[in-house]
Structures are given as C-alpha cells and as structure tokens.
C-alpha atoms as a PDB file:
ATOM      1  CA  UNK A   1     111.739  48.497 155.503  1.00  0.00           C
ATOM      2  CA  UNK A   2     109.716  51.657 155.534  1.00  0.00           C
ATOM      3  CA  UNK A   3     111.194  54.787 154.019  1.00  0.00           C
ATOM      4  CA  UNK A   4     112.078  57.963 155.963  1.00  0.00           C
ATOM      5  CA  UNK A   5     108.712  59.488 155.045  1.00  0.00           C
ATOM      6  CA  UNK A   6     106.394  56.502 155.435  1.00  0.00           C
ATOM      7  CA  UNK A   7     104.949  54.794 158.478  1.00  0.00           C
ATOM      8  CA  UNK A   8     106.524  54.738 161.914  1.00  0.00           C
ATOM      9  CA  UNK A   9     107.221  51.583 163.876  1.00  0.00           C
ATOM     10  CA  UNK A  10     106.089  50.743 167.384  1.00  0.00           C
ATOM     11  CA  UNK A  11     108.417  47.867 167.973  1.00  0.00           C
ATOM     12  CA  UNK A  12     111.871  46.420 167.471  1.00  0.00           C
ATOM     13  CA  UNK A  13     113.129  45.463 164.031  1.00  0.00           C
ATOM     14  CA  UNK A  14     112.959  41.762 163.285  1.00  0.00           C
ATOM     15  CA  UNK A  15     115.989  39.541 162.655  1.00  0.00           C
ATOM     16  CA  UNK A  16     115.970  40.534 159.001  1.00  0.00           C
ATOM     17  CA  UNK A  17     115.728  44.213 159.867  1.00  0.00           C
ATOM     18  CA  UNK A  18     112.117  44.571 158.662  1.00  0.00           C
ATOM     19  CA  UNK A  19     109.810  46.912 160.585  1.00  0.00           C
ATOM     20  CA  UNK A  20     107.132  45.296 162.758  1.00  0.00           C
ATOM     21  CA  UNK A  21     103.825  46.591 164.204  1.00  0.00           C
ATOM     22  CA  UNK A  22     103.431  49.425 161.712  1.00  0.00           C
ATOM     23  CA  UNK A  23     101.165  52.337 162.570  1.00  0.00           C
ATOM     24  CA  UNK A  24      99.777  55.007 160.246  1.00  0.00           C
ATOM     25  CA  UNK A  25     101.827  57.783 161.906  1.00  0.00           C
ATOM     26  CA  UNK A  26     104.084  59.610 159.470  1.00  0.00           C
ATOM     27  CA  UNK A  27     107.705  60.237 160.361  1.00  0.00           C
ATOM     28  CA  UNK A  28     110.262  62.596 158.888  1.00  0.00           C
ATOM     29  CA  UNK A  29     113.432  60.687 159.846  1.00  0.00           C
ATOM     30  CA  UNK A  30     114.433  57.025 159.724  1.00  0.00           C
ATOM     31  CA  UNK A  31     113.838  55.165 162.988  1.00  0.00           C
ATOM     32  CA  UNK A  32     116.552  53.839 165.229  1.00  0.00           C
ATOM     33  CA  UNK A  33     115.671  50.298 164.144  1.00  0.00           C
ATOM     34  CA  UNK A  34     116.574  50.570 160.465  1.00  0.00           C
ATOM     35  CA  UNK A  35     117.612  47.452 158.571  1.00  0.00           C
ATOM     36  CA  UNK A  36     121.131  46.473 159.633  1.00  0.00           C
ATOM     37  CA  UNK A  37     121.061  48.565 162.818  1.00  0.00           C
ATOM     38  CA  UNK A  38     123.255  47.403 165.720  1.00  0.00           C
ATOM     39  CA  UNK A  39     121.972  44.670 168.009  1.00  0.00           C
ATOM     40  CA  UNK A  40     122.152  47.180 170.862  1.00  0.00           C
ATOM     41  CA  UNK A  41     119.156  48.971 169.323  1.00  0.00           C
ATOM     42  CA  UNK A  42     117.024  45.840 169.569  1.00  0.00           C
ATOM     43  CA  UNK A  43     118.208  45.268 173.129  1.00  0.00           C
ATOM     44  CA  UNK A  44     117.316  48.824 174.145  1.00  0.00           C
ATOM     45  CA  UNK A  45     113.860  48.570 172.589  1.00  0.00           C
ATOM     46  CA  UNK A  46     113.291  45.213 174.274  1.00  0.00           C
ATOM     47  CA  UNK A  47     113.981  46.898 177.619  1.00  0.00           C
ATOM     48  CA  UNK A  48     111.268  49.401 176.829  1.00  0.00           C
ATOM     49  CA  UNK A  49     113.530  52.341 176.091  1.00  0.00           C
ATOM     50  CA  UNK A  50     112.109  54.961 173.755  1.00  0.00           C
ATOM     51  CA  UNK A  51     114.772  55.771 171.177  1.00  0.00           C
ATOM     52  CA  UNK A  52     115.177  58.954 169.199  1.00  0.00           C
ATOM     53  CA  UNK A  53     115.382  58.726 165.393  1.00  0.00           C
ATOM     54  CA  UNK A  54     119.101  59.327 164.709  1.00  0.00           C
ATOM     55  CA  UNK A  55     119.755  62.631 162.965  1.00  0.00           C
ATOM     56  CA  UNK A  56     123.382  61.824 162.155  1.00  0.00           C
ATOM     57  CA  UNK A  57     124.269  60.334 158.785  1.00  0.00           C
ATOM     58  CA  UNK A  58     126.644  60.254 155.827  1.00  0.00           C
ATOM     59  CA  UNK A  59     127.722  63.909 156.239  1.00  0.00           C
ATOM     60  CA  UNK A  60     128.929  63.067 159.751  1.00  0.00           C
ATOM     61  CA  UNK A  61     130.995  60.167 158.422  1.00  0.00           C
ATOM     62  CA  UNK A  62     132.572  62.559 155.930  1.00  0.00           C
ATOM     63  CA  UNK A  63     133.184  65.141 158.670  1.00  0.00           C
ATOM     64  CA  UNK A  64     135.081  62.526 160.691  1.00  0.00           C
ATOM     65  CA  UNK A  65     137.320  61.644 157.733  1.00  0.00           C
ATOM     66  CA  UNK A  66     137.868  65.235 156.627  1.00  0.00           C
ATOM     67  CA  UNK A  67     138.563  66.274 160.206  1.00  0.00           C
ATOM     68  CA  UNK A  68     141.177  63.544 160.455  1.00  0.00           C
ATOM     69  CA  UNK A  69     142.936  64.836 157.335  1.00  0.00           C
ATOM     70  CA  UNK A  70     142.827  68.477 158.438  1.00  0.00           C
ATOM     71  CA  UNK A  71     144.081  67.697 161.937  1.00  0.00           C
ATOM     72  CA  UNK A  72     146.895  65.568 160.493  1.00  0.00           C
ATOM     73  CA  UNK A  73     148.010  68.452 158.291  1.00  0.00           C
ATOM     74  CA  UNK A  74     147.669  70.985 161.113  1.00  0.00           C
ATOM     75  CA  UNK A  75     149.696  68.889 163.551  1.00  0.00           C
ATOM     76  CA  UNK A  76     152.431  68.308 160.964  1.00  0.00           C
ATOM     77  CA  UNK A  77     152.715  72.020 160.145  1.00  0.00           C
ATOM     78  CA  UNK A  78     152.412  73.368 163.687  1.00  0.00           C
ATOM     79  CA  UNK A  79     154.601  70.654 165.173  1.00  0.00           C
ATOM     80  CA  UNK A  80     157.348  71.316 162.650  1.00  0.00           C
ATOM     81  CA  UNK A  81     157.122  75.077 163.191  1.00  0.00           C
ATOM     82  CA  UNK A  82     157.311  74.551 166.959  1.00  0.00           C
ATOM     83  CA  UNK A  83     160.398  72.376 166.545  1.00  0.00           C
ATOM     84  CA  UNK A  84     158.934  69.326 168.274  1.00  0.00           C
ATOM     85  CA  UNK A  85     161.326  66.388 168.503  1.00  0.00           C
ATOM     86  CA  UNK A  86     160.588  63.770 165.847  1.00  0.00           C
ATOM     87  CA  UNK A  87     159.362  61.105 168.313  1.00  0.00           C
ATOM     88  CA  UNK A  88     156.907  63.547 169.876  1.00  0.00           C
ATOM     89  CA  UNK A  89     155.787  64.837 166.481  1.00  0.00           C
ATOM     90  CA  UNK A  90     155.145  61.323 165.187  1.00  0.00           C
ATOM     91  CA  UNK A  91     153.140  60.170 168.210  1.00  0.00           C
ATOM     92  CA  UNK A  92     151.137  63.409 168.434  1.00  0.00           C
ATOM     93  CA  UNK A  93     150.578  63.351 164.678  1.00  0.00           C
ATOM     94  CA  UNK A  94     149.039  59.900 164.964  1.00  0.00           C
ATOM     95  CA  UNK A  95     146.865  60.367 168.030  1.00  0.00           C
ATOM     96  CA  UNK A  96     145.500  63.925 167.737  1.00  0.00           C
ATOM     97  CA  UNK A  97     143.658  63.300 164.420  1.00  0.00           C
ATOM     98  CA  UNK A  98     141.712  60.542 166.184  1.00  0.00           C
ATOM     99  CA  UNK A  99     139.860  63.347 167.966  1.00  0.00           C
ATOM    100  CA  UNK A 100     138.013  63.813 164.681  1.00  0.00           C
ATOM    101  CA  UNK A 101     138.048  60.247 163.367  1.00  0.00           C
ATOM    102  CA  UNK A 102     136.537  58.706 166.492  1.00  0.00           C
ATOM    103  CA  UNK A 103     135.627  61.802 168.489  1.00  0.00           C
ATOM    104  CA  UNK A 104     133.104  63.187 166.033  1.00  0.00           C
ATOM    105  CA  UNK A 105     131.098  59.934 165.757  1.00  0.00           C
ATOM    106  CA  UNK A 106     131.025  59.676 169.560  1.00  0.00           C
ATOM    107  CA  UNK A 107     129.932  63.294 169.857  1.00  0.00           C
ATOM    108  CA  UNK A 108     127.337  63.423 167.108  1.00  0.00           C
ATOM    109  CA  UNK A 109     125.626  60.190 168.159  1.00  0.00           C
ATOM    110  CA  UNK A 110     125.414  61.547 171.703  1.00  0.00           C
ATOM    111  CA  UNK A 111     123.741  64.802 170.641  1.00  0.00           C
ATOM    112  CA  UNK A 112     121.878  63.645 167.531  1.00  0.00           C
ATOM    113  CA  UNK A 113     120.917  60.128 168.510  1.00  0.00           C
ATOM    114  CA  UNK A 114     120.960  57.705 171.393  1.00  0.00           C
ATOM    115  CA  UNK A 115     124.683  57.605 172.119  1.00  0.00           C
ATOM    116  CA  UNK A 116     127.478  55.550 170.531  1.00  0.00           C
ATOM    117  CA  UNK A 117     126.728  52.421 172.513  1.00  0.00           C
ATOM    118  CA  UNK A 118     123.233  52.084 171.067  1.00  0.00           C
ATOM    119  CA  UNK A 119     123.556  53.839 167.711  1.00  0.00           C
ATOM    120  CA  UNK A 120     126.955  52.404 166.735  1.00  0.00           C
ATOM    121  CA  UNK A 121     126.879  49.133 168.667  1.00  0.00           C
ATOM    122  CA  UNK A 122     129.905  50.178 170.714  1.00  0.00           C
ATOM    123  CA  UNK A 123     129.856  47.368 173.252  1.00  0.00           C
ATOM    124  CA  UNK A 124     131.785  44.176 173.950  1.00  0.00           C
ATOM    125  CA  UNK A 125     130.372  40.792 174.940  1.00  0.00           C
ATOM    126  CA  UNK A 126     131.912  37.355 175.231  1.00  0.00           C
ATOM    127  CA  UNK A 127     130.265  36.531 171.904  1.00  0.00           C
ATOM    128  CA  UNK A 128     131.965  39.551 170.341  1.00  0.00           C
ATOM    129  CA  UNK A 129     135.289  38.479 171.819  1.00  0.00           C
ATOM    130  CA  UNK A 130     134.970  35.005 170.332  1.00  0.00           C
ATOM    131  CA  UNK A 131     133.973  36.222 166.900  1.00  0.00           C
ATOM    132  CA  UNK A 132     136.670  38.895 167.078  1.00  0.00           C
ATOM    133  CA  UNK A 133     139.415  36.366 167.767  1.00  0.00           C
ATOM    134  CA  UNK A 134     138.235  34.173 164.893  1.00  0.00           C
ATOM    135  CA  UNK A 135     137.926  37.166 162.580  1.00  0.00           C
ATOM    136  CA  UNK A 136     141.330  38.513 163.598  1.00  0.00           C
ATOM    137  CA  UNK A 137     143.030  35.238 162.712  1.00  0.00           C
ATOM    138  CA  UNK A 138     141.114  35.138 159.428  1.00  0.00           C
ATOM    139  CA  UNK A 139     142.207  38.715 158.657  1.00  0.00           C
ATOM    140  CA  UNK A 140     145.833  37.827 159.402  1.00  0.00           C
ATOM    141  CA  UNK A 141     145.684  34.805 157.103  1.00  0.00           C
ATOM    142  CA  UNK A 142     143.925  36.702 154.312  1.00  0.00           C
ATOM    143  CA  UNK A 143     146.184  39.752 154.562  1.00  0.00           C
ATOM    144  CA  UNK A 144     149.308  37.632 154.891  1.00  0.00           C
ATOM    145  CA  UNK A 145     148.413  35.587 151.829  1.00  0.00           C
ATOM    146  CA  UNK A 146     147.849  38.719 149.754  1.00  0.00           C
ATOM    147  CA  UNK A 147     151.107  40.221 151.076  1.00  0.00           C
ATOM    148  CA  UNK A 148     153.076  37.152 149.961  1.00  0.00           C
ATOM    149  CA  UNK A 149     151.597  37.383 146.476  1.00  0.00           C
ATOM    150  CA  UNK A 150     152.330  41.118 146.309  1.00  0.00           C
ATOM    151  CA  UNK A 151     155.933  40.650 147.427  1.00  0.00           C
ATOM    152  CA  UNK A 152     156.463  38.014 144.770  1.00  0.00           C
ATOM    153  CA  UNK A 153     155.344  40.564 142.182  1.00  0.00           C
ATOM    154  CA  UNK A 154     156.795  43.823 143.510  1.00  0.00           C
ATOM    155  CA  UNK A 155     159.555  42.797 145.894  1.00  0.00           C
ATOM    156  CA  UNK A 156     159.902  43.682 149.559  1.00  0.00           C
ATOM    157  CA  UNK A 157     157.910  46.652 150.885  1.00  0.00           C
ATOM    158  CA  UNK A 158     157.208  48.158 154.268  1.00  0.00           C
ATOM    159  CA  UNK A 159     154.099  49.652 155.819  1.00  0.00           C
ATOM    160  CA  UNK A 160     153.797  53.258 156.963  1.00  0.00           C
ATOM    161  CA  UNK A 161     153.725  52.015 160.558  1.00  0.00           C
ATOM    162  CA  UNK A 162     156.894  50.020 159.966  1.00  0.00           C
ATOM    163  CA  UNK A 163     158.687  53.055 158.574  1.00  0.00           C
ATOM    164  CA  UNK A 164     157.590  55.179 161.547  1.00  0.00           C
ATOM    165  CA  UNK A 165     158.812  52.443 163.882  1.00  0.00           C
ATOM    166  CA  UNK A 166     162.232  52.524 162.215  1.00  0.00           C
ATOM    167  CA  UNK A 167     162.402  56.306 162.690  1.00  0.00           C
ATOM    168  CA  UNK A 168     161.446  56.004 166.352  1.00  0.00           C
ATOM    169  CA  UNK A 169     164.057  53.303 166.990  1.00  0.00           C
ATOM    170  CA  UNK A 170     166.685  55.525 165.417  1.00  0.00           C
ATOM    171  CA  UNK A 171     165.641  58.686 167.286  1.00  0.00           C
ATOM    172  CA  UNK A 172     164.557  57.235 170.644  1.00  0.00           C
ATOM    173  CA  UNK A 173     163.529  57.205 173.408  1.00  0.00           C
ATOM    174  CA  UNK A 174     162.158  53.704 173.842  1.00  0.00           C
ATOM    175  CA  UNK A 175     159.047  55.124 175.529  1.00  0.00           C
ATOM    176  CA  UNK A 176     157.969  56.772 172.264  1.00  0.00           C
ATOM    177  CA  UNK A 177     158.265  53.454 170.458  1.00  0.00           C
ATOM    178  CA  UNK A 178     156.202  51.701 173.144  1.00  0.00           C
ATOM    179  CA  UNK A 179     153.491  54.363 172.941  1.00  0.00           C
ATOM    180  CA  UNK A 180     153.430  54.060 169.158  1.00  0.00           C
ATOM    181  CA  UNK A 181     153.161  50.256 169.352  1.00  0.00           C
ATOM    182  CA  UNK A 182     150.187  50.620 171.721  1.00  0.00           C
ATOM    183  CA  UNK A 183     148.607  53.039 169.265  1.00  0.00           C
ATOM    184  CA  UNK A 184     148.979  50.474 166.488  1.00  0.00           C
ATOM    185  CA  UNK A 185     147.685  47.559 168.562  1.00  0.00           C
ATOM    186  CA  UNK A 186     144.863  49.263 170.473  1.00  0.00           C
ATOM    187  CA  UNK A 187     144.294  52.900 169.529  1.00  0.00           C
ATOM    188  CA  UNK A 188     144.039  52.496 165.755  1.00  0.00           C
ATOM    189  CA  UNK A 189     141.601  49.550 165.886  1.00  0.00           C
ATOM    190  CA  UNK A 190     139.245  51.447 168.195  1.00  0.00           C
ATOM    191  CA  UNK A 191     139.390  54.774 166.328  1.00  0.00           C
ATOM    192  CA  UNK A 192     139.199  53.304 162.827  1.00  0.00           C
ATOM    193  CA  UNK A 193     136.387  50.873 163.644  1.00  0.00           C
ATOM    194  CA  UNK A 194     134.301  53.627 165.240  1.00  0.00           C
ATOM    195  CA  UNK A 195     134.719  55.640 162.027  1.00  0.00           C
ATOM    196  CA  UNK A 196     134.311  52.928 159.387  1.00  0.00           C
ATOM    197  CA  UNK A 197     132.351  49.958 160.743  1.00  0.00           C
ATOM    198  CA  UNK A 198     130.587  52.336 163.139  1.00  0.00           C
ATOM    199  CA  UNK A 199     129.641  55.745 161.750  1.00  0.00           C
ATOM    200  CA  UNK A 200     130.127  55.070 158.013  1.00  0.00           C
ATOM    201  CA  UNK A 201     128.573  51.590 158.078  1.00  0.00           C
ATOM    202  CA  UNK A 202     125.490  52.663 160.008  1.00  0.00           C
ATOM    203  CA  UNK A 203     125.057  55.896 158.053  1.00  0.00           C
ATOM    204  CA  UNK A 204     124.930  53.913 154.805  1.00  0.00           C
ATOM    205  CA  UNK A 205     122.686  51.219 156.283  1.00  0.00           C
ATOM    206  CA  UNK A 206     120.323  53.893 157.603  1.00  0.00           C
ATOM    207  CA  UNK A 207     119.927  55.144 154.029  1.00  0.00           C
ATOM    208  CA  UNK A 208     118.666  51.704 153.021  1.00  0.00           C
ATOM    209  CA  UNK A 209     121.687  50.312 151.161  1.00  0.00           C
ATOM    210  CA  UNK A 210     121.961  46.550 150.966  1.00  0.00           C
ATOM    211  CA  UNK A 211     124.473  45.055 153.390  1.00  0.00           C
ATOM    212  CA  UNK A 212     126.733  43.885 150.547  1.00  0.00           C
ATOM    213  CA  UNK A 213     127.035  47.444 149.246  1.00  0.00           C
ATOM    214  CA  UNK A 214     127.617  48.834 152.730  1.00  0.00           C
ATOM    215  CA  UNK A 215     130.416  46.336 153.348  1.00  0.00           C
ATOM    216  CA  UNK A 216     131.960  47.010 149.937  1.00  0.00           C
ATOM    217  CA  UNK A 217     131.885  50.810 150.258  1.00  0.00           C
ATOM    218  CA  UNK A 218     133.268  50.903 153.796  1.00  0.00           C
ATOM    219  CA  UNK A 219     135.962  48.362 152.901  1.00  0.00           C
ATOM    220  CA  UNK A 220     137.166  50.404 149.927  1.00  0.00           C
ATOM    221  CA  UNK A 221     137.063  53.631 151.960  1.00  0.00           C
ATOM    222  CA  UNK A 222     139.025  51.957 154.763  1.00  0.00           C
ATOM    223  CA  UNK A 223     141.657  50.748 152.299  1.00  0.00           C
ATOM    224  CA  UNK A 224     142.108  54.125 150.595  1.00  0.00           C
ATOM    225  CA  UNK A 225     142.123  55.960 153.934  1.00  0.00           C
ATOM    226  CA  UNK A 226     145.570  54.585 154.822  1.00  0.00           C
ATOM    227  CA  UNK A 227     147.199  56.271 151.790  1.00  0.00           C
ATOM    228  CA  UNK A 228     149.421  53.275 151.108  1.00  0.00           C
ATOM    229  CA  UNK A 229     148.826  52.287 147.459  1.00  0.00           C
ATOM    230  CA  UNK A 230     151.052  49.220 147.600  1.00  0.00           C
ATOM    231  CA  UNK A 231     149.099  47.815 150.554  1.00  0.00           C
ATOM    232  CA  UNK A 232     145.581  48.454 149.235  1.00  0.00           C
ATOM    233  CA  UNK A 233     144.998  44.772 148.305  1.00  0.00           C
ATOM    234  CA  UNK A 234     146.056  43.732 151.825  1.00  0.00           C
ATOM    235  CA  UNK A 235     143.770  46.304 153.418  1.00  0.00           C
ATOM    236  CA  UNK A 236     140.900  45.240 151.160  1.00  0.00           C
ATOM    237  CA  UNK A 237     141.276  41.633 152.297  1.00  0.00           C
ATOM    238  CA  UNK A 238     141.369  42.441 156.019  1.00  0.00           C
ATOM    239  CA  UNK A 239     138.770  45.215 155.738  1.00  0.00           C
ATOM    240  CA  UNK A 240     136.331  42.872 154.030  1.00  0.00           C
ATOM    241  CA  UNK A 241     136.531  40.472 156.953  1.00  0.00           C
ATOM    242  CA  UNK A 242     135.980  43.330 159.422  1.00  0.00           C
ATOM    243  CA  UNK A 243     132.911  44.439 157.470  1.00  0.00           C
ATOM    244  CA  UNK A 244     131.480  40.920 157.433  1.00  0.00           C
ATOM    245  CA  UNK A 245     132.049  40.740 161.181  1.00  0.00           C
ATOM    246  CA  UNK A 246     130.063  43.953 161.676  1.00  0.00           C
ATOM    247  CA  UNK A 247     127.230  42.466 159.599  1.00  0.00           C
ATOM    248  CA  UNK A 248     127.361  39.078 161.317  1.00  0.00           C
ATOM    249  CA  UNK A 249     127.481  40.346 164.913  1.00  0.00           C
ATOM    250  CA  UNK A 250     125.612  43.637 164.392  1.00  0.00           C
ATOM    251  CA  UNK A 251     128.050  45.519 166.581  1.00  0.00           C
ATOM    252  CA  UNK A 252     131.520  47.038 166.851  1.00  0.00           C
ATOM    253  CA  UNK A 253     132.915  44.770 169.548  1.00  0.00           C
ATOM    254  CA  UNK A 254     133.964  41.935 167.240  1.00  0.00           C
ATOM    255  CA  UNK A 255     135.481  44.168 164.513  1.00  0.00           C
ATOM    256  CA  UNK A 256     137.502  46.079 167.118  1.00  0.00           C
ATOM    257  CA  UNK A 257     138.867  42.851 168.618  1.00  0.00           C
ATOM    258  CA  UNK A 258     139.608  41.402 165.177  1.00  0.00           C
ATOM    259  CA  UNK A 259     141.338  44.605 164.080  1.00  0.00           C
ATOM    260  CA  UNK A 260     143.471  44.538 167.228  1.00  0.00           C
ATOM    261  CA  UNK A 261     144.386  40.885 166.683  1.00  0.00           C
ATOM    262  CA  UNK A 262     145.304  41.684 163.090  1.00  0.00           C
ATOM    263  CA  UNK A 263     147.537  44.590 164.185  1.00  0.00           C
ATOM    264  CA  UNK A 264     149.143  42.844 167.157  1.00  0.00           C
ATOM    265  CA  UNK A 265     151.951  41.023 165.281  1.00  0.00           C
ATOM    266  CA  UNK A 266     152.959  44.264 163.562  1.00  0.00           C
ATOM    267  CA  UNK A 267     152.942  46.130 166.868  1.00  0.00           C
ATOM    268  CA  UNK A 268     155.080  43.432 168.463  1.00  0.00           C
ATOM    269  CA  UNK A 269     157.517  43.548 165.554  1.00  0.00           C
ATOM    270  CA  UNK A 270     157.899  47.307 166.072  1.00  0.00           C
ATOM    271  CA  UNK A 271     159.243  46.638 169.557  1.00  0.00           C
ATOM    272  CA  UNK A 272     161.614  43.813 168.704  1.00  0.00           C
ATOM    273  CA  UNK A 273     162.770  45.272 165.382  1.00  0.00           C
END
C-alpha cells in the first residue's frame, strides 16, 4: 500500500488491502482504505461516499486505555470517600471507566474520521453473527483447555469477576448482581472490543503493520489490560481468536458476539453461584 506521503487513491482497496486506481496527487494522511481496514469502508466507497482520511491513531488508543485507568482510580477514591455501598461502588467502578475505554474511540472517530461504524467496522450482520458464534465456542474451548492446564499446575483460582460476584452475593441486593452479570456478558464485550479490536487494531493497521503483528500486539495488550497475572495465558488464548476474527471478517460484529459467547457461562455462573 502507499505510504502516508505518497499517492492518493481514487477507489476502494482491493481484497488484499492494496490501493487501486492510483493518481499522482500527494496526500498528508493515510486514506480510509488502508490495508486491513474494516469491510464497512469498502462498502461505503462502493456506494459512492467520499470518506475523510482518519486523523485518529495510536495516541487515541492509548488515551482510551489511560482514561480507563484514571477513571477507575477516580471512581474508587471518590466512591469510597462518599461512602457508597459496596454493591453500588463495584457496579459504578466497572461501568464508568467504559466512558473512556469505548467512549473515546466512538468520539474521536466521529470527529476525526467517518464515524465508528465505518472507521471501526462497528456493525452486525448475519455473517458476523455466524462467525461470532463459531469463534465464541472456539474461545471457550481454547480458554477452558488452558485453564485446566493452569489449574493442574497452580491449583484452583478465581477470576476478578468471580471474586466481585462473591462480594455482591454476600452484600446484596440481587439487582446489583444481575446488573454486574449483564455487564460481564454484554457490556464488557462491547466496550473492550471497541477499544482493542476496534481502535487499537485499526490504529496499528493504519500505520502499515502486518496483520500478524497487529493481532499479536492487540492480543497481548488485551491480556495485560485485565491485571490478572494468573489468567494471562487464558486471555491470550481467547484474545488470539478474537483478533483472528477481526482479521477474517474485517469488522467488530463477530469479535463482539464471540466475546459475549465466551463470557456468557461466567456471567450465568455469577447468578447461580
């Protein structure tokens, strides 16, 4: 593909992401149809829509992650100082940081690009649903296999979500536990996929990194993001499948569905204990 300072492209990127119909016009930013861009970019160009070169990039991915950390700390400190009940503090502490994790990518692509649907591939089709279900089962099998091996080596261990669920069952009310389970099953997959397989993946791809490197980097970042050292191998296994899904389908729909399928058994277990 052409570099950010070489020739512009008149048409849609081909199946391999290579620029077509090159013209001698210089450009100062990468086009919307960079190699590995979402399928929604090709669809928009095919409809004749003129797309803006996205101005968002790796710094925005870092802003989303840093914002998540800062909001998490702020909620914990302010919530404790305000004397919020533990169930409220836990639920608020989980959901509010998503304003940065998912909110910033949605915001910056709207103002510095063509919107999250086109720039991040934030859409859902029947094809995405099918691939997502297959990928979700694959992630469950891969993660479960790694978990069994880990438990044989280290003994029984719990996830951060499982520990929070135990606290909520002990403190009540049941409504807080239900809200938390919905966050695990639906909220987390949407927010985390927008940040990792959306903003981070596309920011790296837009810089010209090979798909294998993009998948590897976003998978490692996703695994470390959870701050659960014992579960890093499990997160690497499931995150790798989510990254391959993003590459295969060129969109976020399938990874979001797969992530939700992967989280669903854990969310259900939170409710039944």
